[in-house]
């Protein structure tokens, strides 16, 4: 194990974020009522075949409520345990740069004036940015903590077409570069196990993701959610999904080939049980991460180990 990864065998977001602030911080999800070009007919209707935003929106997160109210209700939940907590407003639902600039400014600024909010995390699509927006985000970044995260999902254009993503990988690469070059912390989101992508294909993508100007990466397993087009595909013709051990093996191989300075925020997502068709692992997120870490320590491997250890393909 290298000195860089003496605590965890990967560049852990939790450890990193604690170094960014002199106090504990927590994301609070916000639904600002934005849509998506993949839903409103600009590109298509129905969205990506795997998507249902209800899987990660907390109950207080309703677009009918003002952003300040959503933030206060979210704060009330965490304040009971951590009264001195500070917060990041997480614009998570749908595409949070998909609106006229004056609307975006109003929504972001509304969140920032809430007491104890110390920054923003803005989740969006790589085809929903512009130079005008980046000018504003660059200015915003100078006065508050800011992360912009893009849904990449896959680097394989055949996969992106299959899942009705509406953009290609080059679009992601370009958006990430433009954002990072403005000095803005830039994140990406990848799903492992998408239809047509096996372990080898997922692992192959790690070196491509490493070439992006990414600061932060979120990874999670494919989940089949009731009511989605993907659920219809899976019901009609089930395809291979990872078991927990297979997914741990895939994540480890992926991490070994991932650039060592990329901050890894997560490996798994947990959808509500009543919405989830498969895979039903019965493992909480932290339990999975503990198993992953223990396995990596057993193997004496770490993020970026492929270059230094010449890990076998």
C-alpha atoms as a PDB file:
ATOM      1  CA  UNK A   1       0.000   0.000   0.000  1.00  0.00           C
ATOM      2  CA  UNK A   2       1.337   3.432  -0.879  1.00  0.00           C
ATOM      3  CA  UNK A   3       1.605   6.255   1.660  1.00  0.00           C
ATOM      4  CA  UNK A   4      -1.108   8.194  -0.192  1.00  0.00           C
ATOM      5  CA  UNK A   5      -3.626   5.434   0.521  1.00  0.00           C
ATOM      6  CA  UNK A   6      -2.563   4.346   4.001  1.00  0.00           C
ATOM      7  CA  UNK A   7      -6.053   5.009   5.437  1.00  0.00           C
ATOM      8  CA  UNK A   8      -8.193   3.871   2.514  1.00  0.00           C
ATOM      9  CA  UNK A   9      -7.013   2.221  -0.691  1.00  0.00           C
ATOM     10  CA  UNK A  10      -8.627   4.893  -2.818  1.00  0.00           C
ATOM     11  CA  UNK A  11      -8.932   8.685  -2.868  1.00  0.00           C
ATOM     12  CA  UNK A  12     -11.956   8.943  -0.589  1.00  0.00           C
ATOM     13  CA  UNK A  13     -14.435  11.812  -0.954  1.00  0.00           C
ATOM     14  CA  UNK A  14     -15.316  11.759   2.743  1.00  0.00           C
ATOM     15  CA  UNK A  15     -11.731  12.370   3.760  1.00  0.00           C
ATOM     16  CA  UNK A  16     -11.285  14.998   1.046  1.00  0.00           C
ATOM     17  CA  UNK A  17     -14.397  17.025   1.896  1.00  0.00           C
ATOM     18  CA  UNK A  18     -13.382  17.160   5.559  1.00  0.00           C
ATOM     19  CA  UNK A  19     -10.173  18.874   4.433  1.00  0.00           C
ATOM     20  CA  UNK A  20     -12.097  21.549   2.524  1.00  0.00           C
ATOM     21  CA  UNK A  21     -13.907  22.997   5.549  1.00  0.00           C
ATOM     22  CA  UNK A  22     -13.126  23.591   9.238  1.00  0.00           C
ATOM     23  CA  UNK A  23     -16.565  22.166  10.108  1.00  0.00           C
ATOM     24  CA  UNK A  24     -18.769  19.215   9.217  1.00  0.00           C
ATOM     25  CA  UNK A  25     -20.763  19.639   5.996  1.00  0.00           C
ATOM     26  CA  UNK A  26     -23.724  17.732   4.582  1.00  0.00           C
ATOM     27  CA  UNK A  27     -25.385  17.832   1.169  1.00  0.00           C
ATOM     28  CA  UNK A  28     -29.097  18.615   1.123  1.00  0.00           C
ATOM     29  CA  UNK A  29     -30.912  17.668  -2.070  1.00  0.00           C
ATOM     30  CA  UNK A  30     -32.972  20.342  -3.788  1.00  0.00           C
ATOM     31  CA  UNK A  31     -35.565  19.906  -6.531  1.00  0.00           C
ATOM     32  CA  UNK A  32     -35.629  23.267  -8.294  1.00  0.00           C
ATOM     33  CA  UNK A  33     -38.301  22.235 -10.781  1.00  0.00           C
ATOM     34  CA  UNK A  34     -35.996  21.877 -13.777  1.00  0.00           C
ATOM     35  CA  UNK A  35     -36.705  19.471 -16.606  1.00  0.00           C
ATOM     36  CA  UNK A  36     -34.429  17.703 -19.070  1.00  0.00           C
ATOM     37  CA  UNK A  37     -34.038  17.938 -22.855  1.00  0.00           C
ATOM     38  CA  UNK A  38     -34.518  14.187 -22.895  1.00  0.00           C
ATOM     39  CA  UNK A  39     -37.965  14.562 -21.333  1.00  0.00           C
ATOM     40  CA  UNK A  40     -39.506  17.769 -22.665  1.00  0.00           C
ATOM     41  CA  UNK A  41     -39.264  16.816 -26.329  1.00  0.00           C
ATOM     42  CA  UNK A  42     -36.168  18.858 -27.188  1.00  0.00           C
ATOM     43  CA  UNK A  43     -34.278  15.606 -27.740  1.00  0.00           C
ATOM     44  CA  UNK A  44     -36.911  13.009 -26.860  1.00  0.00           C
ATOM     45  CA  UNK A  45     -39.592  12.108 -24.346  1.00  0.00           C
ATOM     46  CA  UNK A  46     -39.318   9.708 -21.453  1.00  0.00           C
ATOM     47  CA  UNK A  47     -35.717  10.368 -20.458  1.00  0.00           C
ATOM     48  CA  UNK A  48     -32.913   7.813 -20.195  1.00  0.00           C
ATOM     49  CA  UNK A  49     -34.231   4.267 -20.083  1.00  0.00           C
ATOM     50  CA  UNK A  50     -32.974   3.711 -16.512  1.00  0.00           C
ATOM     51  CA  UNK A  51     -34.142   7.002 -14.989  1.00  0.00           C
ATOM     52  CA  UNK A  52     -36.668   7.668 -12.231  1.00  0.00           C
ATOM     53  CA  UNK A  53     -35.703  10.621 -10.040  1.00  0.00           C
ATOM     54  CA  UNK A  54     -37.929   9.372  -7.227  1.00  0.00           C
ATOM     55  CA  UNK A  55     -35.256   6.821  -6.370  1.00  0.00           C
ATOM     56  CA  UNK A  56     -33.044   9.480  -4.785  1.00  0.00           C
ATOM     57  CA  UNK A  57     -35.294  12.446  -3.944  1.00  0.00           C
ATOM     58  CA  UNK A  58     -36.024  12.748  -0.186  1.00  0.00           C
ATOM     59  CA  UNK A  59     -39.642  13.315   0.825  1.00  0.00           C
ATOM     60  CA  UNK A  60     -39.079  17.024   1.547  1.00  0.00           C
ATOM     61  CA  UNK A  61     -37.600  17.516  -1.920  1.00  0.00           C
ATOM     62  CA  UNK A  62     -40.628  18.773  -3.851  1.00  0.00           C
ATOM     63  CA  UNK A  63     -40.475  21.356  -6.665  1.00  0.00           C
ATOM     64  CA  UNK A  64     -43.749  22.856  -5.409  1.00  0.00           C
ATOM     65  CA  UNK A  65     -41.868  24.073  -2.322  1.00  0.00           C
ATOM     66  CA  UNK A  66     -39.553  27.092  -2.428  1.00  0.00           C
ATOM     67  CA  UNK A  67     -35.890  26.162  -2.416  1.00  0.00           C
ATOM     68  CA  UNK A  68     -35.387  27.865   0.950  1.00  0.00           C
ATOM     69  CA  UNK A  69     -38.152  25.718   2.461  1.00  0.00           C
ATOM     70  CA  UNK A  70     -36.641  22.520   1.063  1.00  0.00           C
ATOM     71  CA  UNK A  71     -33.280  23.509   2.537  1.00  0.00           C
ATOM     72  CA  UNK A  72     -34.767  24.300   5.964  1.00  0.00           C
ATOM     73  CA  UNK A  73     -36.615  20.982   6.069  1.00  0.00           C
ATOM     74  CA  UNK A  74     -33.461  19.147   5.091  1.00  0.00           C
ATOM     75  CA  UNK A  75     -31.459  21.023   7.707  1.00  0.00           C
ATOM     76  CA  UNK A  76     -33.985  20.104  10.404  1.00  0.00           C
ATOM     77  CA  UNK A  77     -33.362  16.425   9.740  1.00  0.00           C
ATOM     78  CA  UNK A  78     -29.593  16.655  10.217  1.00  0.00           C
ATOM     79  CA  UNK A  79     -29.563  19.344  12.907  1.00  0.00           C
ATOM     80  CA  UNK A  80     -30.935  16.942  15.516  1.00  0.00           C
ATOM     81  CA  UNK A  81     -27.731  14.925  15.409  1.00  0.00           C
ATOM     82  CA  UNK A  82     -25.231  17.607  14.397  1.00  0.00           C
ATOM     83  CA  UNK A  83     -26.351  21.052  15.610  1.00  0.00           C
ATOM     84  CA  UNK A  84     -23.195  22.748  14.276  1.00  0.00           C
ATOM     85  CA  UNK A  85     -23.487  21.250  10.779  1.00  0.00           C
ATOM     86  CA  UNK A  86     -23.088  23.404   7.657  1.00  0.00           C
ATOM     87  CA  UNK A  87     -24.664  22.515   4.322  1.00  0.00           C
ATOM     88  CA  UNK A  88     -24.185  22.253   0.586  1.00  0.00           C
ATOM     89  CA  UNK A  89     -27.304  22.757  -1.510  1.00  0.00           C
ATOM     90  CA  UNK A  90     -27.356  19.821  -3.913  1.00  0.00           C
ATOM     91  CA  UNK A  91     -29.294  20.576  -7.096  1.00  0.00           C
ATOM     92  CA  UNK A  92     -29.825  16.930  -7.965  1.00  0.00           C
ATOM     93  CA  UNK A  93     -33.149  16.258  -9.701  1.00  0.00           C
ATOM     94  CA  UNK A  94     -33.064  16.256 -13.505  1.00  0.00           C
ATOM     95  CA  UNK A  95     -30.798  18.747 -15.363  1.00  0.00           C
ATOM     96  CA  UNK A  96     -29.955  21.684 -13.129  1.00  0.00           C
ATOM     97  CA  UNK A  97     -28.453  23.952 -15.750  1.00  0.00           C
ATOM     98  CA  UNK A  98     -31.375  23.477 -18.144  1.00  0.00           C
ATOM     99  CA  UNK A  99     -33.132  26.848 -17.931  1.00  0.00           C
ATOM    100  CA  UNK A 100     -32.526  30.475 -18.929  1.00  0.00           C
ATOM    101  CA  UNK A 101     -29.558  31.968 -17.122  1.00  0.00           C
ATOM    102  CA  UNK A 102     -31.652  34.454 -15.126  1.00  0.00           C
ATOM    103  CA  UNK A 103     -33.747  31.551 -13.772  1.00  0.00           C
ATOM    104  CA  UNK A 104     -30.634  29.565 -12.868  1.00  0.00           C
ATOM    105  CA  UNK A 105     -29.132  32.549 -11.053  1.00  0.00           C
ATOM    106  CA  UNK A 106     -32.322  33.099  -9.066  1.00  0.00           C
ATOM    107  CA  UNK A 107     -32.516  29.458  -7.945  1.00  0.00           C
ATOM    108  CA  UNK A 108     -28.849  29.150  -7.014  1.00  0.00           C
ATOM    109  CA  UNK A 109     -28.776  32.456  -5.162  1.00  0.00           C
ATOM    110  CA  UNK A 110     -31.929  31.538  -3.254  1.00  0.00           C
ATOM    111  CA  UNK A 111     -30.137  28.511  -1.860  1.00  0.00           C
ATOM    112  CA  UNK A 112     -26.987  30.433  -0.984  1.00  0.00           C
ATOM    113  CA  UNK A 113     -28.742  32.968   1.243  1.00  0.00           C
ATOM    114  CA  UNK A 114     -30.142  30.227   3.503  1.00  0.00           C
ATOM    115  CA  UNK A 115     -28.408  30.237   6.888  1.00  0.00           C
ATOM    116  CA  UNK A 116     -25.479  27.810   7.173  1.00  0.00           C
ATOM    117  CA  UNK A 117     -25.355  27.036   3.449  1.00  0.00           C
ATOM    118  CA  UNK A 118     -21.695  27.210   2.438  1.00  0.00           C
ATOM    119  CA  UNK A 119     -21.787  26.069  -1.183  1.00  0.00           C
ATOM    120  CA  UNK A 120     -23.536  24.398  -4.093  1.00  0.00           C
ATOM    121  CA  UNK A 121     -23.328  21.092  -5.913  1.00  0.00           C
ATOM    122  CA  UNK A 122     -24.993  21.248  -9.332  1.00  0.00           C
ATOM    123  CA  UNK A 123     -25.837  18.033 -11.152  1.00  0.00           C
ATOM    124  CA  UNK A 124     -26.541  18.278 -14.860  1.00  0.00           C
ATOM    125  CA  UNK A 125     -26.036  16.922 -18.373  1.00  0.00           C
ATOM    126  CA  UNK A 126     -22.978  17.762 -20.478  1.00  0.00           C
ATOM    127  CA  UNK A 127     -25.197  19.082 -23.285  1.00  0.00           C
ATOM    128  CA  UNK A 128     -26.792  21.673 -20.970  1.00  0.00           C
ATOM    129  CA  UNK A 129     -23.999  24.226 -20.589  1.00  0.00           C
ATOM    130  CA  UNK A 130     -22.969  27.359 -22.466  1.00  0.00           C
ATOM    131  CA  UNK A 131     -20.170  29.904 -22.367  1.00  0.00           C
ATOM    132  CA  UNK A 132     -22.568  32.394 -20.779  1.00  0.00           C
ATOM    133  CA  UNK A 133     -23.428  29.928 -18.016  1.00  0.00           C
ATOM    134  CA  UNK A 134     -19.768  29.058 -17.454  1.00  0.00           C
ATOM    135  CA  UNK A 135     -18.963  32.766 -17.114  1.00  0.00           C
ATOM    136  CA  UNK A 136     -21.486  32.984 -14.288  1.00  0.00           C
ATOM    137  CA  UNK A 137     -20.351  29.737 -12.648  1.00  0.00           C
ATOM    138  CA  UNK A 138     -16.753  30.926 -12.754  1.00  0.00           C
ATOM    139  CA  UNK A 139     -17.785  34.091 -10.922  1.00  0.00           C
ATOM    140  CA  UNK A 140     -19.881  32.066  -8.483  1.00  0.00           C
ATOM    141  CA  UNK A 141     -16.925  29.796  -7.797  1.00  0.00           C
ATOM    142  CA  UNK A 142     -14.893  32.774  -6.652  1.00  0.00           C
ATOM    143  CA  UNK A 143     -17.336  33.540  -3.837  1.00  0.00           C
ATOM    144  CA  UNK A 144     -18.560  30.133  -2.685  1.00  0.00           C
ATOM    145  CA  UNK A 145     -17.711  26.444  -2.731  1.00  0.00           C
ATOM    146  CA  UNK A 146     -18.939  24.909  -5.993  1.00  0.00           C
ATOM    147  CA  UNK A 147     -18.967  21.499  -7.661  1.00  0.00           C
ATOM    148  CA  UNK A 148     -20.505  20.893 -11.074  1.00  0.00           C
ATOM    149  CA  UNK A 149     -21.112  17.211 -11.803  1.00  0.00           C
ATOM    150  CA  UNK A 150     -21.996  15.720 -15.159  1.00  0.00           C
ATOM    151  CA  UNK A 151     -23.792  12.519 -16.009  1.00  0.00           C
ATOM    152  CA  UNK A 152     -21.351  10.626 -18.225  1.00  0.00           C
ATOM    153  CA  UNK A 153     -22.892   7.179 -17.572  1.00  0.00           C
ATOM    154  CA  UNK A 154     -20.687   5.418 -20.154  1.00  0.00           C
ATOM    155  CA  UNK A 155     -17.810   6.201 -22.496  1.00  0.00           C
ATOM    156  CA  UNK A 156     -19.254   3.811 -25.094  1.00  0.00           C
ATOM    157  CA  UNK A 157     -21.344   5.598 -27.714  1.00  0.00           C
ATOM    158  CA  UNK A 158     -23.264   2.412 -28.597  1.00  0.00           C
ATOM    159  CA  UNK A 159     -24.334   2.160 -24.955  1.00  0.00           C
ATOM    160  CA  UNK A 160     -25.276   5.840 -24.810  1.00  0.00           C
ATOM    161  CA  UNK A 161     -27.545   5.362 -27.823  1.00  0.00           C
ATOM    162  CA  UNK A 162     -29.108   2.267 -26.274  1.00  0.00           C
ATOM    163  CA  UNK A 163     -29.967   4.026 -23.035  1.00  0.00           C
ATOM    164  CA  UNK A 164     -31.391   7.032 -24.925  1.00  0.00           C
ATOM    165  CA  UNK A 165     -28.863   9.370 -23.394  1.00  0.00           C
ATOM    166  CA  UNK A 166     -29.152  11.942 -26.178  1.00  0.00           C
ATOM    167  CA  UNK A 167     -25.455  12.853 -26.334  1.00  0.00           C
ATOM    168  CA  UNK A 168     -22.202  11.081 -27.106  1.00  0.00           C
ATOM    169  CA  UNK A 169     -19.083  10.657 -25.012  1.00  0.00           C
ATOM    170  CA  UNK A 170     -17.308  13.498 -26.793  1.00  0.00           C
ATOM    171  CA  UNK A 171     -19.982  15.832 -25.439  1.00  0.00           C
ATOM    172  CA  UNK A 172     -19.084  14.748 -21.888  1.00  0.00           C
ATOM    173  CA  UNK A 173     -15.378  15.124 -22.506  1.00  0.00           C
ATOM    174  CA  UNK A 174     -15.834  18.637 -23.883  1.00  0.00           C
ATOM    175  CA  UNK A 175     -18.123  19.839 -21.071  1.00  0.00           C
ATOM    176  CA  UNK A 176     -15.808  18.488 -18.397  1.00  0.00           C
ATOM    177  CA  UNK A 177     -12.804  20.181 -19.980  1.00  0.00           C
ATOM    178  CA  UNK A 178     -14.553  23.532 -20.380  1.00  0.00           C
ATOM    179  CA  UNK A 179     -15.728  23.477 -16.761  1.00  0.00           C
ATOM    180  CA  UNK A 180     -12.456  22.327 -15.247  1.00  0.00           C
ATOM    181  CA  UNK A 181     -10.521  24.915 -17.243  1.00  0.00           C
ATOM    182  CA  UNK A 182     -12.589  27.625 -15.509  1.00  0.00           C
ATOM    183  CA  UNK A 183     -11.141  26.474 -12.180  1.00  0.00           C
ATOM    184  CA  UNK A 184     -14.413  24.821 -11.108  1.00  0.00           C
ATOM    185  CA  UNK A 185     -14.365  21.498  -9.281  1.00  0.00           C
ATOM    186  CA  UNK A 186     -15.745  19.076 -11.845  1.00  0.00           C
ATOM    187  CA  UNK A 187     -17.403  15.731 -11.134  1.00  0.00           C
ATOM    188  CA  UNK A 188     -18.645  12.863 -13.263  1.00  0.00           C
ATOM    189  CA  UNK A 189     -21.097  10.015 -12.838  1.00  0.00           C
ATOM    190  CA  UNK A 190     -20.638   6.507 -14.272  1.00  0.00           C
ATOM    191  CA  UNK A 191     -22.961   3.479 -14.146  1.00  0.00           C
ATOM    192  CA  UNK A 192     -21.319   0.057 -14.229  1.00  0.00           C
ATOM    193  CA  UNK A 193     -23.210  -2.882 -15.729  1.00  0.00           C
ATOM    194  CA  UNK A 194     -25.310  -1.064 -18.327  1.00  0.00           C
ATOM    195  CA  UNK A 195     -26.891  -3.314 -20.979  1.00  0.00           C
ATOM    196  CA  UNK A 196     -24.236  -4.656 -23.333  1.00  0.00           C
ATOM    197  CA  UNK A 197     -21.372  -3.793 -20.989  1.00  0.00           C
ATOM    198  CA  UNK A 198     -19.705  -6.642 -19.099  1.00  0.00           C
ATOM    199  CA  UNK A 199     -16.904  -6.503 -16.569  1.00  0.00           C
ATOM    200  CA  UNK A 200     -14.175  -6.258 -19.183  1.00  0.00           C
ATOM    201  CA  UNK A 201     -15.896  -3.369 -20.953  1.00  0.00           C
ATOM    202  CA  UNK A 202     -16.402  -1.528 -17.659  1.00  0.00           C
ATOM    203  CA  UNK A 203     -12.778  -2.008 -16.650  1.00  0.00           C
ATOM    204  CA  UNK A 204     -11.601  -0.868 -20.087  1.00  0.00           C
ATOM    205  CA  UNK A 205     -13.387   2.428 -19.553  1.00  0.00           C
ATOM    206  CA  UNK A 206     -11.401   3.339 -16.433  1.00  0.00           C
ATOM    207  CA  UNK A 207      -8.337   4.429 -18.386  1.00  0.00           C
ATOM    208  CA  UNK A 208     -10.537   6.549 -20.665  1.00  0.00           C
ATOM    209  CA  UNK A 209     -12.229   8.219 -17.691  1.00  0.00           C
ATOM    210  CA  UNK A 210      -8.753   8.862 -16.266  1.00  0.00           C
ATOM    211  CA  UNK A 211      -7.934  11.020 -19.283  1.00  0.00           C
ATOM    212  CA  UNK A 212     -10.820  13.380 -18.517  1.00  0.00           C
ATOM    213  CA  UNK A 213     -10.224  16.590 -16.549  1.00  0.00           C
ATOM    214  CA  UNK A 214     -12.218  15.198 -13.647  1.00  0.00           C
ATOM    215  CA  UNK A 215     -11.731  16.031  -9.993  1.00  0.00           C
ATOM    216  CA  UNK A 216     -14.464  13.784  -8.552  1.00  0.00           C
ATOM    217  CA  UNK A 217     -16.086  10.559  -9.740  1.00  0.00           C
ATOM    218  CA  UNK A 218     -19.275   8.815  -8.642  1.00  0.00           C
ATOM    219  CA  UNK A 219     -19.725   5.180  -9.583  1.00  0.00           C
ATOM    220  CA  UNK A 220     -22.689   2.950  -8.958  1.00  0.00           C
ATOM    221  CA  UNK A 221     -24.175  -0.328 -10.073  1.00  0.00           C
ATOM    222  CA  UNK A 222     -26.985  -0.536 -12.597  1.00  0.00           C
ATOM    223  CA  UNK A 223     -30.372  -0.812 -10.889  1.00  0.00           C
ATOM    224  CA  UNK A 224     -33.598  -1.862 -12.598  1.00  0.00           C
ATOM    225  CA  UNK A 225     -36.360   0.477 -11.406  1.00  0.00           C
ATOM    226  CA  UNK A 226     -40.068  -0.272 -11.762  1.00  0.00           C
ATOM    227  CA  UNK A 227     -41.876   1.715 -14.411  1.00  0.00           C
ATOM    228  CA  UNK A 228     -38.809   2.538 -16.503  1.00  0.00           C
ATOM    229  CA  UNK A 229     -38.182   1.453 -20.075  1.00  0.00           C
ATOM    230  CA  UNK A 230     -35.200  -0.506 -18.813  1.00  0.00           C
ATOM    231  CA  UNK A 231     -37.531  -2.466 -16.536  1.00  0.00           C
ATOM    232  CA  UNK A 232     -39.615  -3.417 -19.576  1.00  0.00           C
ATOM    233  CA  UNK A 233     -36.483  -4.571 -21.415  1.00  0.00           C
ATOM    234  CA  UNK A 234     -35.285  -6.567 -18.417  1.00  0.00           C
ATOM    235  CA  UNK A 235     -38.700  -8.201 -17.865  1.00  0.00           C
ATOM    236  CA  UNK A 236     -38.983  -9.230 -21.487  1.00  0.00           C
ATOM    237  CA  UNK A 237     -35.400 -10.434 -21.835  1.00  0.00           C
ATOM    238  CA  UNK A 238     -33.418 -10.522 -18.568  1.00  0.00           C
ATOM    239  CA  UNK A 239     -29.739  -9.707 -18.925  1.00  0.00           C
ATOM    240  CA  UNK A 240     -26.758 -10.297 -16.667  1.00  0.00           C
ATOM    241  CA  UNK A 241     -26.479  -8.157 -13.535  1.00  0.00           C
ATOM    242  CA  UNK A 242     -23.540  -8.149 -11.141  1.00  0.00           C
ATOM    243  CA  UNK A 243     -23.598 -10.157  -7.929  1.00  0.00           C
ATOM    244  CA  UNK A 244     -22.052  -8.289  -4.977  1.00  0.00           C
ATOM    245  CA  UNK A 245     -18.776 -10.208  -5.280  1.00  0.00           C
ATOM    246  CA  UNK A 246     -18.639  -9.677  -9.041  1.00  0.00           C
ATOM    247  CA  UNK A 247     -19.272  -5.996  -8.562  1.00  0.00           C
ATOM    248  CA  UNK A 248     -16.556  -5.715  -5.909  1.00  0.00           C
ATOM    249  CA  UNK A 249     -14.153  -7.425  -8.312  1.00  0.00           C
ATOM    250  CA  UNK A 250     -15.146  -5.008 -11.083  1.00  0.00           C
ATOM    251  CA  UNK A 251     -14.799  -1.934  -8.851  1.00  0.00           C
ATOM    252  CA  UNK A 252     -11.345  -3.038  -7.715  1.00  0.00           C
ATOM    253  CA  UNK A 253     -10.135  -3.609 -11.277  1.00  0.00           C
ATOM    254  CA  UNK A 254     -11.643  -0.241 -12.246  1.00  0.00           C
ATOM    255  CA  UNK A 255      -9.941   1.563  -9.358  1.00  0.00           C
ATOM    256  CA  UNK A 256      -6.584  -0.032 -10.148  1.00  0.00           C
ATOM    257  CA  UNK A 257      -6.751   1.600 -13.581  1.00  0.00           C
ATOM    258  CA  UNK A 258      -8.199   4.921 -12.417  1.00  0.00           C
ATOM    259  CA  UNK A 259      -5.973   7.990 -12.149  1.00  0.00           C
ATOM    260  CA  UNK A 260      -4.863   8.157  -8.544  1.00  0.00           C
ATOM    261  CA  UNK A 261      -5.751  11.810  -7.911  1.00  0.00           C
ATOM    262  CA  UNK A 262      -9.436  11.483  -8.872  1.00  0.00           C
ATOM    263  CA  UNK A 263     -11.605  11.712  -5.746  1.00  0.00           C
ATOM    264  CA  UNK A 264     -14.028   8.770  -5.561  1.00  0.00           C
ATOM    265  CA  UNK A 265     -17.314   9.722  -3.953  1.00  0.00           C
ATOM    266  CA  UNK A 266     -19.204   6.428  -3.994  1.00  0.00           C
ATOM    267  CA  UNK A 267     -19.463   2.922  -5.446  1.00  0.00           C
ATOM    268  CA  UNK A 268     -23.099   1.984  -4.902  1.00  0.00           C
ATOM    269  CA  UNK A 269     -26.570   3.469  -4.844  1.00  0.00           C
ATOM    270  CA  UNK A 270     -29.533   2.140  -2.894  1.00  0.00           C
ATOM    271  CA  UNK A 271     -33.000   2.668  -4.385  1.00  0.00           C
ATOM    272  CA  UNK A 272     -36.205   2.255  -2.345  1.00  0.00           C
ATOM    273  CA  UNK A 273     -37.046  -1.440  -1.996  1.00  0.00           C
ATOM    274  CA  UNK A 274     -40.551  -1.013  -3.386  1.00  0.00           C
ATOM    275  CA  UNK A 275     -39.169   0.528  -6.580  1.00  0.00           C
ATOM    276  CA  UNK A 276     -36.255  -1.838  -7.130  1.00  0.00           C
ATOM    277  CA  UNK A 277     -36.676  -4.893  -9.345  1.00  0.00           C
ATOM    278  CA  UNK A 278     -33.018  -5.969  -9.346  1.00  0.00           C
ATOM    279  CA  UNK A 279     -30.352  -6.497  -8.189  1.00  0.00           C
ATOM    280  CA  UNK A 280     -31.528  -7.062  -4.611  1.00  0.00           C
ATOM    281  CA  UNK A 281     -28.297  -7.462  -2.714  1.00  0.00           C
ATOM    282  CA  UNK A 282     -29.572  -6.713   0.780  1.00  0.00           C
ATOM    283  CA  UNK A 283     -26.389  -4.780   1.560  1.00  0.00           C
ATOM    284  CA  UNK A 284     -26.313  -1.218   2.865  1.00  0.00           C
ATOM    285  CA  UNK A 285     -24.007   1.211   1.095  1.00  0.00           C
ATOM    286  CA  UNK A 286     -21.515   1.438   3.949  1.00  0.00           C
ATOM    287  CA  UNK A 287     -21.456  -2.358   4.302  1.00  0.00           C
ATOM    288  CA  UNK A 288     -20.589  -2.721   0.634  1.00  0.00           C
ATOM    289  CA  UNK A 289     -17.831  -0.114   0.896  1.00  0.00           C
ATOM    290  CA  UNK A 290     -16.362  -1.886   3.946  1.00  0.00           C
ATOM    291  CA  UNK A 291     -16.299  -5.172   2.032  1.00  0.00           C
ATOM    292  CA  UNK A 292     -14.617  -3.465  -0.910  1.00  0.00           C
ATOM    293  CA  UNK A 293     -11.978  -1.822   1.274  1.00  0.00           C
ATOM    294  CA  UNK A 294     -11.242  -5.069   3.128  1.00  0.00           C
ATOM    295  CA  UNK A 295     -10.884  -6.965  -0.129  1.00  0.00           C
ATOM    296  CA  UNK A 296      -8.502  -4.359  -1.539  1.00  0.00           C
ATOM    297  CA  UNK A 297      -6.381  -4.561   1.609  1.00  0.00           C
ATOM    298  CA  UNK A 298      -6.304  -8.354   1.317  1.00  0.00           C
ATOM    299  CA  UNK A 299      -5.076  -7.995  -2.253  1.00  0.00           C
ATOM    300  CA  UNK A 300      -2.641  -5.205  -1.293  1.00  0.00           C
ATOM    301  CA  UNK A 301      -3.956  -3.018  -4.090  1.00  0.00           C
ATOM    302  CA  UNK A 302      -5.089   0.573  -4.435  1.00  0.00           C
ATOM    303  CA  UNK A 303      -6.376   3.232  -6.811  1.00  0.00           C
ATOM    304  CA  UNK A 304      -3.953   3.601  -9.709  1.00  0.00           C
ATOM    305  CA  UNK A 305      -2.072   0.421  -8.790  1.00  0.00           C
ATOM    306  CA  UNK A 306      -2.115  -0.845 -12.371  1.00  0.00           C
ATOM    307  CA  UNK A 307       0.695   1.476 -13.414  1.00  0.00           C
ATOM    308  CA  UNK A 308       2.943   0.780 -10.461  1.00  0.00           C
ATOM    309  CA  UNK A 309       2.222  -2.941 -10.042  1.00  0.00           C
ATOM    310  CA  UNK A 310       1.530  -3.828 -13.672  1.00  0.00           C
ATOM    311  CA  UNK A 311      -1.687  -5.569 -12.633  1.00  0.00           C
ATOM    312  CA  UNK A 312      -2.609  -8.274 -15.116  1.00  0.00           C
ATOM    313  CA  UNK A 313      -5.359  -7.407 -17.568  1.00  0.00           C
END
